[in-house]
PDB file of N, CA and C in Angstrom:
ATOM      1  N   MET A   1     125.179 148.002  98.222  1.00  0.00           N
ATOM      2  CA  MET A   1     124.123 147.629  99.139  1.00  0.00           C
ATOM      3  C   MET A   1     123.375 146.409  98.595  1.00  0.00           C
ATOM      4  N   GLU A   2     122.913 145.606  99.477  1.00  0.00           N
ATOM      5  CA  GLU A   2     122.184 144.391  99.109  1.00  0.00           C
ATOM      6  C   GLU A   2     120.862 144.723  98.421  1.00  0.00           C
ATOM      7  N   GLU A   3     120.423 143.813  97.552  1.00  0.00           N
ATOM      8  CA  GLU A   3     119.141 143.970  96.869  1.00  0.00           C
ATOM      9  C   GLU A   3     118.006 144.051  97.892  1.00  0.00           C
ATOM     10  N   ILE A   4     117.125 145.010  97.668  1.00  0.00           N
ATOM     11  CA  ILE A   4     115.931 145.154  98.495  1.00  0.00           C
ATOM     12  C   ILE A   4     114.740 144.829  97.615  1.00  0.00           C
ATOM     13  N   LYS A   5     113.852 143.981  98.135  1.00  0.00           N
ATOM     14  CA  LYS A   5     112.692 143.609  97.346  1.00  0.00           C
ATOM     15  C   LYS A   5     111.514 143.313  98.258  1.00  0.00           C
ATOM     16  N   GLN A   6     110.380 143.175  97.622  1.00  0.00           N
ATOM     17  CA  GLN A   6     109.172 142.771  98.317  1.00  0.00           C
ATOM     18  C   GLN A   6     108.685 141.483  97.666  1.00  0.00           C
ATOM     19  N   VAL A   7     108.213 140.563  98.489  1.00  0.00           N
ATOM     20  CA  VAL A   7     107.648 139.320  97.985  1.00  0.00           C
ATOM     21  C   VAL A   7     106.204 139.242  98.441  1.00  0.00           C
ATOM     22  N   ILE A   8     105.341 138.857  97.527  1.00  0.00           N
ATOM     23  CA  ILE A   8     103.932 138.667  97.828  1.00  0.00           C
ATOM     24  C   ILE A   8     103.604 137.208  97.523  1.00  0.00           C
ATOM     25  N   ILE A   9     103.001 136.548  98.495  1.00  0.00           N
ATOM     26  CA  ILE A   9     102.652 135.133  98.348  1.00  0.00           C
ATOM     27  C   ILE A   9     101.135 135.030  98.394  1.00  0.00           C
ATOM     28  N   VAL A  10     100.563 134.432  97.372  1.00  0.00           N
ATOM     29  CA  VAL A  10      99.108 134.289  97.309  1.00  0.00           C
ATOM     30  C   VAL A  10      98.724 132.808  97.361  1.00  0.00           C
ATOM     31  N   ARG A  11      97.574 132.569  97.947  1.00  0.00           N
ATOM     32  CA  ARG A  11      97.049 131.204  98.016  1.00  0.00           C
ATOM     33  C   ARG A  11      96.350 130.845  96.713  1.00  0.00           C
ATOM     34  N   LYS A  12      96.704 129.690  96.177  1.00  0.00           N
ATOM     35  CA  LYS A  12      96.068 129.202  94.961  1.00  0.00           C
ATOM     36  C   LYS A  12      95.128 128.027  95.244  1.00  0.00           C
ATOM     37  N   ASP A  13      94.966 127.657  96.514  1.00  0.00           N
ATOM     38  CA  ASP A  13      94.081 126.546  96.863  1.00  0.00           C
ATOM     39  C   ASP A  13      92.649 127.009  97.134  1.00  0.00           C
ATOM     40  N   ILE A  14      92.409 128.306  97.050  1.00  0.00           N
ATOM     41  CA  ILE A  14      91.050 128.811  97.217  1.00  0.00           C
ATOM     42  C   ILE A  14      90.621 129.484  95.916  1.00  0.00           C
ATOM     43  N   GLU A  15      89.334 129.416  95.644  1.00  0.00           N
ATOM     44  CA  GLU A  15      88.810 129.987  94.403  1.00  0.00           C
ATOM     45  C   GLU A  15      88.680 131.495  94.533  1.00  0.00           C
ATOM     46  N   MET A  16      89.446 132.209  93.711  1.00  0.00           N
ATOM     47  CA  MET A  16      89.350 133.667  93.633  1.00  0.00           C
ATOM     48  C   MET A  16      89.454 134.050  92.165  1.00  0.00           C
ATOM     49  N   SER A  17      88.647 135.012  91.754  1.00  0.00           N
ATOM     50  CA  SER A  17      88.781 135.535  90.398  1.00  0.00           C
ATOM     51  C   SER A  17      90.132 136.237  90.283  1.00  0.00           C
ATOM     52  N   THR A  18      90.540 136.514  89.080  1.00  0.00           N
ATOM     53  CA  THR A  18      91.801 137.230  88.876  1.00  0.00           C
ATOM     54  C   THR A  18      91.770 138.583  89.572  1.00  0.00           C
ATOM     55  N   GLY A  19      90.660 139.292  89.468  1.00  0.00           N
ATOM     56  CA  GLY A  19      90.546 140.599  90.118  1.00  0.00           C
ATOM     57  C   GLY A  19      90.678 140.503  91.625  1.00  0.00           C
ATOM     58  N   LYS A  20      90.051 139.499  92.212  1.00  0.00           N
ATOM     59  CA  LYS A  20      90.108 139.305  93.660  1.00  0.00           C
ATOM     60  C   LYS A  20      91.537 138.981  94.080  1.00  0.00           C
ATOM     61  N   LEU A  21      92.193 138.096  93.341  1.00  0.00           N
ATOM     62  CA  LEU A  21      93.569 137.722  93.653  1.00  0.00           C
ATOM     63  C   LEU A  21      94.488 138.943  93.606  1.00  0.00           C
ATOM     64  N   VAL A  22      94.334 139.756  92.587  1.00  0.00           N
ATOM     65  CA  VAL A  22      95.161 140.953  92.451  1.00  0.00           C
ATOM     66  C   VAL A  22      94.887 141.931  93.600  1.00  0.00           C
ATOM     67  N   ALA A  23      93.622 142.089  93.962  1.00  0.00           N
ATOM     68  CA  ALA A  23      93.278 142.982  95.069  1.00  0.00           C
ATOM     69  C   ALA A  23      93.923 142.496  96.369  1.00  0.00           C
ATOM     70  N   GLN A  24      93.902 141.188  96.610  1.00  0.00           N
ATOM     71  CA  GLN A  24      94.499 140.646  97.822  1.00  0.00           C
ATOM     72  C   GLN A  24      96.016 140.848  97.819  1.00  0.00           C
ATOM     73  N   ALA A  25      96.631 140.657  96.661  1.00  0.00           N
ATOM     74  CA  ALA A  25      98.074 140.892  96.541  1.00  0.00           C
ATOM     75  C   ALA A  25      98.403 142.360  96.803  1.00  0.00           C
ATOM     76  N   CYS A  26      97.558 143.263  96.335  1.00  0.00           N
ATOM     77  CA  CYS A  26      97.770 144.692  96.580  1.00  0.00           C
ATOM     78  C   CYS A  26      97.639 145.024  98.064  1.00  0.00           C
ATOM     79  N   HIS A  27      96.650 144.433  98.733  1.00  0.00           N
ATOM     80  CA  HIS A  27      96.520 144.630 100.186  1.00  0.00           C
ATOM     81  C   HIS A  27      97.801 144.172 100.890  1.00  0.00           C
ATOM     82  N   ALA A  28      98.302 143.011 100.494  1.00  0.00           N
ATOM     83  CA  ALA A  28      99.512 142.466 101.108  1.00  0.00           C
ATOM     84  C   ALA A  28     100.709 143.384 100.868  1.00  0.00           C
ATOM     85  N   SER A  29     100.838 143.885  99.654  1.00  0.00           N
ATOM     86  CA  SER A  29     101.954 144.760  99.309  1.00  0.00           C
ATOM     87  C   SER A  29     101.942 146.040 100.136  1.00  0.00           C
ATOM     88  N   LEU A  30     100.814 146.714 100.154  1.00  0.00           N
ATOM     89  CA  LEU A  30     100.736 147.985 100.871  1.00  0.00           C
ATOM     90  C   LEU A  30     100.898 147.797 102.377  1.00  0.00           C
ATOM     91  N   SER A  31     100.239 146.804 102.937  1.00  0.00           N
ATOM     92  CA  SER A  31     100.328 146.584 104.387  1.00  0.00           C
ATOM     93  C   SER A  31     101.746 146.220 104.804  1.00  0.00           C
ATOM     94  N   SER A  32     102.403 145.397 104.005  1.00  0.00           N
ATOM     95  CA  SER A  32     103.779 145.019 104.313  1.00  0.00           C
ATOM     96  C   SER A  32     104.724 146.216 104.174  1.00  0.00           C
ATOM     97  N   TYR A  33     104.497 147.047 103.160  1.00  0.00           N
ATOM     98  CA  TYR A  33     105.301 148.262 102.998  1.00  0.00           C
ATOM     99  C   TYR A  33     105.164 149.159 104.231  1.00  0.00           C
ATOM    100  N   LEU A  34     103.948 149.334 104.711  1.00  0.00           N
ATOM    101  CA  LEU A  34     103.743 150.178 105.894  1.00  0.00           C
ATOM    102  C   LEU A  34     104.452 149.602 107.114  1.00  0.00           C
ATOM    103  N   ASP A  35     104.486 148.286 107.236  1.00  0.00           N
ATOM    104  CA  ASP A  35     105.237 147.648 108.325  1.00  0.00           C
ATOM    105  C   ASP A  35     106.733 147.911 108.156  1.00  0.00           C
ATOM    106  N   ALA A  36     107.211 147.878 106.917  1.00  0.00           N
ATOM    107  CA  ALA A  36     108.629 148.142 106.655  1.00  0.00           C
ATOM    108  C   ALA A  36     109.007 149.576 107.029  1.00  0.00           C
ATOM    109  N   VAL A  37     108.131 150.522 106.736  1.00  0.00           N
ATOM    110  CA  VAL A  37     108.388 151.924 107.092  1.00  0.00           C
ATOM    111  C   VAL A  37     108.567 152.050 108.602  1.00  0.00           C
ATOM    112  N   GLU A  38     107.753 151.342 109.363  1.00  0.00           N
ATOM    113  CA  GLU A  38     107.869 151.379 110.829  1.00  0.00           C
ATOM    114  C   GLU A  38     109.149 150.714 111.321  1.00  0.00           C
ATOM    115  N   LYS A  39     109.557 149.614 110.665  1.00  0.00           N
ATOM    116  CA  LYS A  39     110.721 148.864 111.130  1.00  0.00           C
ATOM    117  C   LYS A  39     112.041 149.518 110.720  1.00  0.00           C
ATOM    118  N   ASP A  40     112.111 150.017 109.494  1.00  0.00           N
ATOM    119  CA  ASP A  40     113.357 150.623 109.011  1.00  0.00           C
ATOM    120  C   ASP A  40     113.033 151.527 107.822  1.00  0.00           C
ATOM    121  N   GLU A  41     112.813 152.781 108.107  1.00  0.00           N
ATOM    122  CA  GLU A  41     112.417 153.735 107.074  1.00  0.00           C
ATOM    123  C   GLU A  41     113.464 153.873 105.966  1.00  0.00           C
ATOM    124  N   LYS A  42     114.748 153.705 106.306  1.00  0.00           N
ATOM    125  CA  LYS A  42     115.801 153.810 105.286  1.00  0.00           C
ATOM    126  C   LYS A  42     115.676 152.699 104.246  1.00  0.00           C
ATOM    127  N   VAL A  43     115.387 151.489 104.695  1.00  0.00           N
ATOM    128  CA  VAL A  43     115.219 150.371 103.762  1.00  0.00           C
ATOM    129  C   VAL A  43     113.995 150.609 102.879  1.00  0.00           C
ATOM    130  N   ALA A  44     112.892 151.033 103.476  1.00  0.00           N
ATOM    131  CA  ALA A  44     111.667 151.293 102.714  1.00  0.00           C
ATOM    132  C   ALA A  44     111.887 152.397 101.684  1.00  0.00           C
ATOM    133  N   SER A  45     112.585 153.446 102.060  1.00  0.00           N
ATOM    134  CA  SER A  45     112.865 154.552 101.136  1.00  0.00           C
ATOM    135  C   SER A  45     113.784 154.112 100.001  1.00  0.00           C
ATOM    136  N   ALA A  46     114.779 153.304 100.323  1.00  0.00           N
ATOM    137  CA  ALA A  46     115.688 152.806  99.286  1.00  0.00           C
ATOM    138  C   ALA A  46     114.920 151.958  98.274  1.00  0.00           C
ATOM    139  N   TRP A  47     114.005 151.147  98.755  1.00  0.00           N
ATOM    140  CA  TRP A  47     113.181 150.316  97.870  1.00  0.00           C
ATOM    141  C   TRP A  47     112.375 151.187  96.907  1.00  0.00           C
ATOM    142  N   LEU A  48     111.809 152.269  97.407  1.00  0.00           N
ATOM    143  CA  LEU A  48     111.052 153.188  96.543  1.00  0.00           C
ATOM    144  C   LEU A  48     111.954 153.800  95.478  1.00  0.00           C
ATOM    145  N   ARG A  49     113.144 154.246  95.877  1.00  0.00           N
ATOM    146  CA  ARG A  49     114.088 154.868  94.934  1.00  0.00           C
ATOM    147  C   ARG A  49     114.572 153.887  93.870  1.00  0.00           C
ATOM    148  N   GLU A  50     114.692 152.611  94.252  1.00  0.00           N
ATOM    149  CA  GLU A  50     115.275 151.608  93.357  1.00  0.00           C
ATOM    150  C   GLU A  50     114.251 150.937  92.441  1.00  0.00           C
ATOM    151  N   GLY A  51     113.015 151.381  92.456  1.00  0.00           N
ATOM    152  CA  GLY A  51     112.035 150.856  91.511  1.00  0.00           C
ATOM    153  C   GLY A  51     111.013 149.889  92.069  1.00  0.00           C
ATOM    154  N   GLU A  52     110.995 149.698  93.379  1.00  0.00           N
ATOM    155  CA  GLU A  52     109.964 148.888  94.048  1.00  0.00           C
ATOM    156  C   GLU A  52     109.891 147.456  93.531  1.00  0.00           C
ATOM    157  N   LYS A  53     111.010 146.756  93.497  1.00  0.00           N
ATOM    158  CA  LYS A  53     111.037 145.381  92.996  1.00  0.00           C
ATOM    159  C   LYS A  53     110.081 144.501  93.799  1.00  0.00           C
ATOM    160  N   LYS A  54     109.215 143.773  93.067  1.00  0.00           N
ATOM    161  CA  LYS A  54     108.247 142.857  93.670  1.00  0.00           C
ATOM    162  C   LYS A  54     108.319 141.513  92.957  1.00  0.00           C
ATOM    163  N   ILE A  55     108.198 140.458  93.749  1.00  0.00           N
ATOM    164  CA  ILE A  55     108.130 139.105  93.231  1.00  0.00           C
ATOM    165  C   ILE A  55     106.829 138.503  93.771  1.00  0.00           C
ATOM    166  N   VAL A  56     106.029 137.883  92.909  1.00  0.00           N
ATOM    167  CA  VAL A  56     104.783 137.273  93.353  1.00  0.00           C
ATOM    168  C   VAL A  56     104.910 135.758  93.236  1.00  0.00           C
ATOM    169  N   LEU A  57     104.718 135.105  94.378  1.00  0.00           N
ATOM    170  CA  LEU A  57     104.840 133.654  94.484  1.00  0.00           C
ATOM    171  C   LEU A  57     103.503 133.056  94.876  1.00  0.00           C
ATOM    172  N   LYS A  58     103.419 131.722  94.828  1.00  0.00           N
ATOM    173  CA  LYS A  58     102.167 131.061  95.180  1.00  0.00           C
ATOM    174  C   LYS A  58     102.407 129.916  96.152  1.00  0.00           C
ATOM    175  N   THR A  59     101.359 129.622  96.900  1.00  0.00           N
ATOM    176  CA  THR A  59     101.334 128.438  97.745  1.00  0.00           C
ATOM    177  C   THR A  59      99.967 127.787  97.568  1.00  0.00           C
ATOM    178  N   ASN A  60      99.913 126.516  97.866  1.00  0.00           N
ATOM    179  CA  ASN A  60      98.657 125.791  97.708  1.00  0.00           C
ATOM    180  C   ASN A  60      98.031 125.405  99.043  1.00  0.00           C
ATOM    181  N   ASP A  61      98.465 126.053 100.131  1.00  0.00           N
ATOM    182  CA  ASP A  61      97.831 125.723 101.401  1.00  0.00           C
ATOM    183  C   ASP A  61      98.001 126.843 102.419  1.00  0.00           C
ATOM    184  N   LEU A  62      97.032 126.903 103.295  1.00  0.00           N
ATOM    185  CA  LEU A  62      97.027 127.893 104.368  1.00  0.00           C
ATOM    186  C   LEU A  62      98.184 127.675 105.333  1.00  0.00           C
ATOM    187  N   GLU A  63      98.494 126.428 105.638  1.00  0.00           N
ATOM    188  CA  GLU A  63      99.534 126.117 106.617  1.00  0.00           C
ATOM    189  C   GLU A  63     100.871 126.752 106.230  1.00  0.00           C
ATOM    190  N   THR A  64     101.244 126.652 104.970  1.00  0.00           N
ATOM    191  CA  THR A  64     102.501 127.249 104.510  1.00  0.00           C
ATOM    192  C   THR A  64     102.480 128.760 104.687  1.00  0.00           C
ATOM    193  N   LEU A  65     101.375 129.385 104.325  1.00  0.00           N
ATOM    194  CA  LEU A  65     101.249 130.839 104.445  1.00  0.00           C
ATOM    195  C   LEU A  65     101.428 131.285 105.901  1.00  0.00           C
ATOM    196  N   VAL A  66     100.784 130.598 106.817  1.00  0.00           N
ATOM    197  CA  VAL A  66     100.856 130.959 108.235  1.00  0.00           C
ATOM    198  C   VAL A  66     102.250 130.671 108.803  1.00  0.00           C
ATOM    199  N   LYS A  67     102.850 129.553 108.418  1.00  0.00           N
ATOM    200  CA  LYS A  67     104.210 129.237 108.884  1.00  0.00           C
ATOM    201  C   LYS A  67     105.197 130.309 108.424  1.00  0.00           C
ATOM    202  N   LEU A  68     105.068 130.733 107.169  1.00  0.00           N
ATOM    203  CA  LEU A  68     105.951 131.781 106.655  1.00  0.00           C
ATOM    204  C   LEU A  68     105.731 133.091 107.409  1.00  0.00           C
ATOM    205  N   PHE A  69     104.482 133.458 107.617  1.00  0.00           N
ATOM    206  CA  PHE A  69     104.171 134.676 108.367  1.00  0.00           C
ATOM    207  C   PHE A  69     104.828 134.628 109.746  1.00  0.00           C
ATOM    208  N   ASN A  70     104.670 133.523 110.442  1.00  0.00           N
ATOM    209  CA  ASN A  70     105.257 133.394 111.784  1.00  0.00           C
ATOM    210  C   ASN A  70     106.782 133.446 111.747  1.00  0.00           C
ATOM    211  N   ALA A  71     107.390 132.851 110.730  1.00  0.00           N
ATOM    212  CA  ALA A  71     108.851 132.878 110.604  1.00  0.00           C
ATOM    213  C   ALA A  71     109.350 134.297 110.359  1.00  0.00           C
ATOM    214  N   PHE A  72     108.680 135.030 109.479  1.00  0.00           N
ATOM    215  CA  PHE A  72     109.100 136.412 109.211  1.00  0.00           C
ATOM    216  C   PHE A  72     108.902 137.289 110.445  1.00  0.00           C
ATOM    217  N   LYS A  73     107.805 137.100 111.147  1.00  0.00           N
ATOM    218  CA  LYS A  73     107.570 137.853 112.388  1.00  0.00           C
ATOM    219  C   LYS A  73     108.682 137.565 113.400  1.00  0.00           C
ATOM    220  N   TYR A  74     109.034 136.297 113.544  1.00  0.00           N
ATOM    221  CA  TYR A  74     110.074 135.889 114.487  1.00  0.00           C
ATOM    222  C   TYR A  74     111.414 136.549 114.151  1.00  0.00           C
ATOM    223  N   LYS A  75     111.707 136.651 112.861  1.00  0.00           N
ATOM    224  CA  LYS A  75     112.970 137.260 112.406  1.00  0.00           C
ATOM    225  C   LYS A  75     112.889 138.788 112.325  1.00  0.00           C
ATOM    226  N   ASN A  76     111.732 139.344 112.681  1.00  0.00           N
ATOM    227  CA  ASN A  76     111.517 140.796 112.659  1.00  0.00           C
ATOM    228  C   ASN A  76     111.649 141.387 111.256  1.00  0.00           C
ATOM    229  N   ILE A  77     111.218 140.608 110.275  1.00  0.00           N
ATOM    230  CA  ILE A  77     111.193 141.051 108.884  1.00  0.00           C
ATOM    231  C   ILE A  77     109.789 141.597 108.607  1.00  0.00           C
ATOM    232  N   PRO A  78     109.670 142.777 108.028  1.00  0.00           N
ATOM    233  CA  PRO A  78     108.348 143.358 107.781  1.00  0.00           C
ATOM    234  C   PRO A  78     107.464 142.411 106.972  1.00  0.00           C
ATOM    235  N   CYS A  79     106.231 142.258 107.423  1.00  0.00           N
ATOM    236  CA  CYS A  79     105.308 141.378 106.717  1.00  0.00           C
ATOM    237  C   CYS A  79     103.875 141.699 107.125  1.00  0.00           C
ATOM    238  N   ALA A  80     102.939 141.207 106.333  1.00  0.00           N
ATOM    239  CA  ALA A  80     101.524 141.411 106.626  1.00  0.00           C
ATOM    240  C   ALA A  80     100.725 140.253 106.046  1.00  0.00           C
ATOM    241  N   LEU A  81      99.925 139.630 106.891  1.00  0.00           N
ATOM    242  CA  LEU A  81      99.049 138.542 106.483  1.00  0.00           C
ATOM    243  C   LEU A  81      97.658 139.117 106.249  1.00  0.00           C
ATOM    244  N   VAL A  82      97.121 138.902 105.060  1.00  0.00           N
ATOM    245  CA  VAL A  82      95.829 139.474 104.678  1.00  0.00           C
ATOM    246  C   VAL A  82      94.704 138.504 105.018  1.00  0.00           C
ATOM    247  N   SER A  83      93.745 139.001 105.790  1.00  0.00           N
ATOM    248  CA  SER A  83      92.512 138.264 106.083  1.00  0.00           C
ATOM    249  C   SER A  83      91.371 139.016 105.421  1.00  0.00           C
ATOM    250  N   ASP A  84      90.656 138.349 104.537  1.00  0.00           N
ATOM    251  CA  ASP A  84      89.606 138.999 103.753  1.00  0.00           C
ATOM    252  C   ASP A  84      88.393 139.346 104.614  1.00  0.00           C
ATOM    253  N   ALA A  85      87.732 140.431 104.265  1.00  0.00           N
ATOM    254  CA  ALA A  85      86.532 140.871 104.980  1.00  0.00           C
ATOM    255  C   ALA A  85      85.321 140.004 104.661  1.00  0.00           C
ATOM    256  N   GLY A  86      85.385 139.253 103.577  1.00  0.00           N
ATOM    257  CA  GLY A  86      84.304 138.344 103.238  1.00  0.00           C
ATOM    258  C   GLY A  86      83.106 138.993 102.569  1.00  0.00           C
ATOM    259  N   LEU A  87      83.307 140.118 101.932  1.00  0.00           N
ATOM    260  CA  LEU A  87      82.188 140.825 101.311  1.00  0.00           C
ATOM    261  C   LEU A  87      81.874 140.350  99.893  1.00  0.00           C
ATOM    262  N   THR A  88      82.779 139.599  99.282  1.00  0.00           N
ATOM    263  CA  THR A  88      82.538 139.216  97.888  1.00  0.00           C
ATOM    264  C   THR A  88      82.683 137.716  97.652  1.00  0.00           C
ATOM    265  N   GLU A  89      83.881 137.212  97.508  1.00  0.00           N
ATOM    266  CA  GLU A  89      84.080 135.857  96.997  1.00  0.00           C
ATOM    267  C   GLU A  89      84.463 134.792  98.012  1.00  0.00           C
ATOM    268  N   VAL A  90      85.028 135.177  99.133  1.00  0.00           N
ATOM    269  CA  VAL A  90      85.487 134.188 100.116  1.00  0.00           C
ATOM    270  C   VAL A  90      84.879 134.510 101.483  1.00  0.00           C
ATOM    271  N   PRO A  91      84.798 133.514 102.363  1.00  0.00           N
ATOM    272  CA  PRO A  91      84.225 133.753 103.683  1.00  0.00           C
ATOM    273  C   PRO A  91      85.055 134.751 104.502  1.00  0.00           C
ATOM    274  N   PRO A  92      84.404 135.469 105.425  1.00  0.00           N
ATOM    275  CA  PRO A  92      85.128 136.418 106.282  1.00  0.00           C
ATOM    276  C   PRO A  92      86.271 135.729 107.019  1.00  0.00           C
ATOM    277  N   GLY A  93      87.413 136.418 107.080  1.00  0.00           N
ATOM    278  CA  GLY A  93      88.572 135.901 107.797  1.00  0.00           C
ATOM    279  C   GLY A  93      89.471 134.981 106.999  1.00  0.00           C
ATOM    280  N   THR A  94      89.104 134.699 105.761  1.00  0.00           N
ATOM    281  CA  THR A  94      89.948 133.838 104.928  1.00  0.00           C
ATOM    282  C   THR A  94      91.297 134.510 104.706  1.00  0.00           C
ATOM    283  N   LYS A  95      92.360 133.804 105.041  1.00  0.00           N
ATOM    284  CA  LYS A  95      93.708 134.323 104.824  1.00  0.00           C
ATOM    285  C   LYS A  95      94.078 134.056 103.366  1.00  0.00           C
ATOM    286  N   THR A  96      94.304 135.131 102.632  1.00  0.00           N
ATOM    287  CA  THR A  96      94.467 135.028 101.178  1.00  0.00           C
ATOM    288  C   THR A  96      95.874 135.284 100.667  1.00  0.00           C
ATOM    289  N   ALA A  97      96.641 136.117 101.368  1.00  0.00           N
ATOM    290  CA  ALA A  97      97.948 136.534 100.839  1.00  0.00           C
ATOM    291  C   ALA A  97      98.858 136.983 101.975  1.00  0.00           C
ATOM    292  N   LEU A  98     100.145 136.970 101.679  1.00  0.00           N
ATOM    293  CA  LEU A  98     101.165 137.426 102.622  1.00  0.00           C
ATOM    294  C   LEU A  98     102.108 138.362 101.883  1.00  0.00           C
ATOM    295  N   GLY A  99     102.307 139.544 102.426  1.00  0.00           N
ATOM    296  CA  GLY A  99     103.295 140.467 101.897  1.00  0.00           C
ATOM    297  C   GLY A  99     104.527 140.431 102.784  1.00  0.00           C
ATOM    298  N   VAL A 100     105.700 140.453 102.167  1.00  0.00           N
ATOM    299  CA  VAL A 100     106.960 140.428 102.917  1.00  0.00           C
ATOM    300  C   VAL A 100     107.865 141.511 102.369  1.00  0.00           C
ATOM    301  N   GLY A 101     108.338 142.370 103.253  1.00  0.00           N
ATOM    302  CA  GLY A 101     109.231 143.431 102.842  1.00  0.00           C
ATOM    303  C   GLY A 101     108.476 144.656 102.364  1.00  0.00           C
ATOM    304  N   PRO A 102     109.191 145.600 101.835  1.00  0.00           N
ATOM    305  CA  PRO A 102     110.556 145.535 101.311  1.00  0.00           C
ATOM    306  C   PRO A 102     111.589 145.275 102.413  1.00  0.00           C
ATOM    307  N   TRP A 103     112.535 144.407 102.029  1.00  0.00           N
ATOM    308  CA  TRP A 103     113.590 144.027 102.953  1.00  0.00           C
ATOM    309  C   TRP A 103     114.744 143.439 102.168  1.00  0.00           C
ATOM    310  N   LYS A 104     115.790 143.037 102.865  1.00  0.00           N
ATOM    311  CA  LYS A 104     116.962 142.452 102.214  1.00  0.00           C
ATOM    312  C   LYS A 104     116.573 141.139 101.544  1.00  0.00           C
ATOM    313  N   GLY A 105     116.890 141.061 100.254  1.00  0.00           N
ATOM    314  CA  GLY A 105     116.493 139.908  99.461  1.00  0.00           C
ATOM    315  C   GLY A 105     116.982 138.583  99.997  1.00  0.00           C
ATOM    316  N   THR A 106     118.214 138.529 100.479  1.00  0.00           N
ATOM    317  CA  THR A 106     118.749 137.250 100.966  1.00  0.00           C
ATOM    318  C   THR A 106     117.984 136.758 102.190  1.00  0.00           C
ATOM    319  N   GLU A 107     117.531 137.669 103.029  1.00  0.00           N
ATOM    320  CA  GLU A 107     116.779 137.265 104.225  1.00  0.00           C
ATOM    321  C   GLU A 107     115.387 136.758 103.856  1.00  0.00           C
ATOM    322  N   ILE A 108     114.775 137.359 102.852  1.00  0.00           N
ATOM    323  CA  ILE A 108     113.468 136.887 102.389  1.00  0.00           C
ATOM    324  C   ILE A 108     113.627 135.544 101.678  1.00  0.00           C
ATOM    325  N   ASP A 109     114.626 135.445 100.802  1.00  0.00           N
ATOM    326  CA  ASP A 109     114.840 134.234 100.011  1.00  0.00           C
ATOM    327  C   ASP A 109     115.106 133.006 100.873  1.00  0.00           C
ATOM    328  N   ALA A 110     115.693 133.199 102.048  1.00  0.00           N
ATOM    329  CA  ALA A 110     115.983 132.061 102.923  1.00  0.00           C
ATOM    330  C   ALA A 110     114.707 131.277 103.245  1.00  0.00           C
ATOM    331  N   PHE A 111     113.562 131.954 103.227  1.00  0.00           N
ATOM    332  CA  PHE A 111     112.295 131.299 103.551  1.00  0.00           C
ATOM    333  C   PHE A 111     111.441 130.999 102.318  1.00  0.00           C
ATOM    334  N   THR A 112     111.642 131.740 101.238  1.00  0.00           N
ATOM    335  CA  THR A 112     110.702 131.644 100.106  1.00  0.00           C
ATOM    336  C   THR A 112     111.268 130.931  98.879  1.00  0.00           C
ATOM    337  N   ARG A 113     112.530 130.576  98.884  1.00  0.00           N
ATOM    338  CA  ARG A 113     113.137 130.031  97.657  1.00  0.00           C
ATOM    339  C   ARG A 113     112.491 128.738  97.166  1.00  0.00           C
ATOM    340  N   VAL A 114     111.763 128.037  98.023  1.00  0.00           N
ATOM    341  CA  VAL A 114     111.115 126.788  97.592  1.00  0.00           C
ATOM    342  C   VAL A 114     109.786 127.025  96.892  1.00  0.00           C
ATOM    343  N   LEU A 115     109.262 128.243  96.979  1.00  0.00           N
ATOM    344  CA  LEU A 115     107.976 128.545  96.348  1.00  0.00           C
ATOM    345  C   LEU A 115     108.154 128.876  94.873  1.00  0.00           C
ATOM    346  N   LYS A 116     107.101 128.649  94.117  1.00  0.00           N
ATOM    347  CA  LYS A 116     107.131 128.910  92.675  1.00  0.00           C
ATOM    348  C   LYS A 116     106.481 130.258  92.364  1.00  0.00           C
ATOM    349  N   LEU A 117     106.900 130.840  91.233  1.00  0.00           N
ATOM    350  CA  LEU A 117     106.292 132.080  90.761  1.00  0.00           C
ATOM    351  C   LEU A 117     104.824 131.867  90.448  1.00  0.00           C
ATOM    352  N   LEU A 118     104.030 132.903  90.684  1.00  0.00           N
ATOM    353  CA  LEU A 118     102.608 132.843  90.322  1.00  0.00           C
ATOM    354  C   LEU A 118     102.531 132.849  88.843  1.00  0.00           C
TER     355      LEU A 118
END
């Protein structure tokens, strides 16, 4: 069976403490996982059994994050775009992170291979 993984993409063009960045990545991971359960429970379950592989990448602009979100939605790949509530470090509605998968690695990589590791 093909590798199943989750990718989390965080914005590095906005000021966030390490704790805030990690919290946003966690929101993206969990929300995207829940979307995966709805789309294909077998894939989500296999990911859990196989050790929950996660890759964390970065982008330096909102436009890239939104374009990726729209591309994954179009391809029906589980994903979740995180918009912050604005209670601490960033204004309300700031898009901070994108979770993708768990899903087939080759399908995720087709869109994310140009991004660098966080």
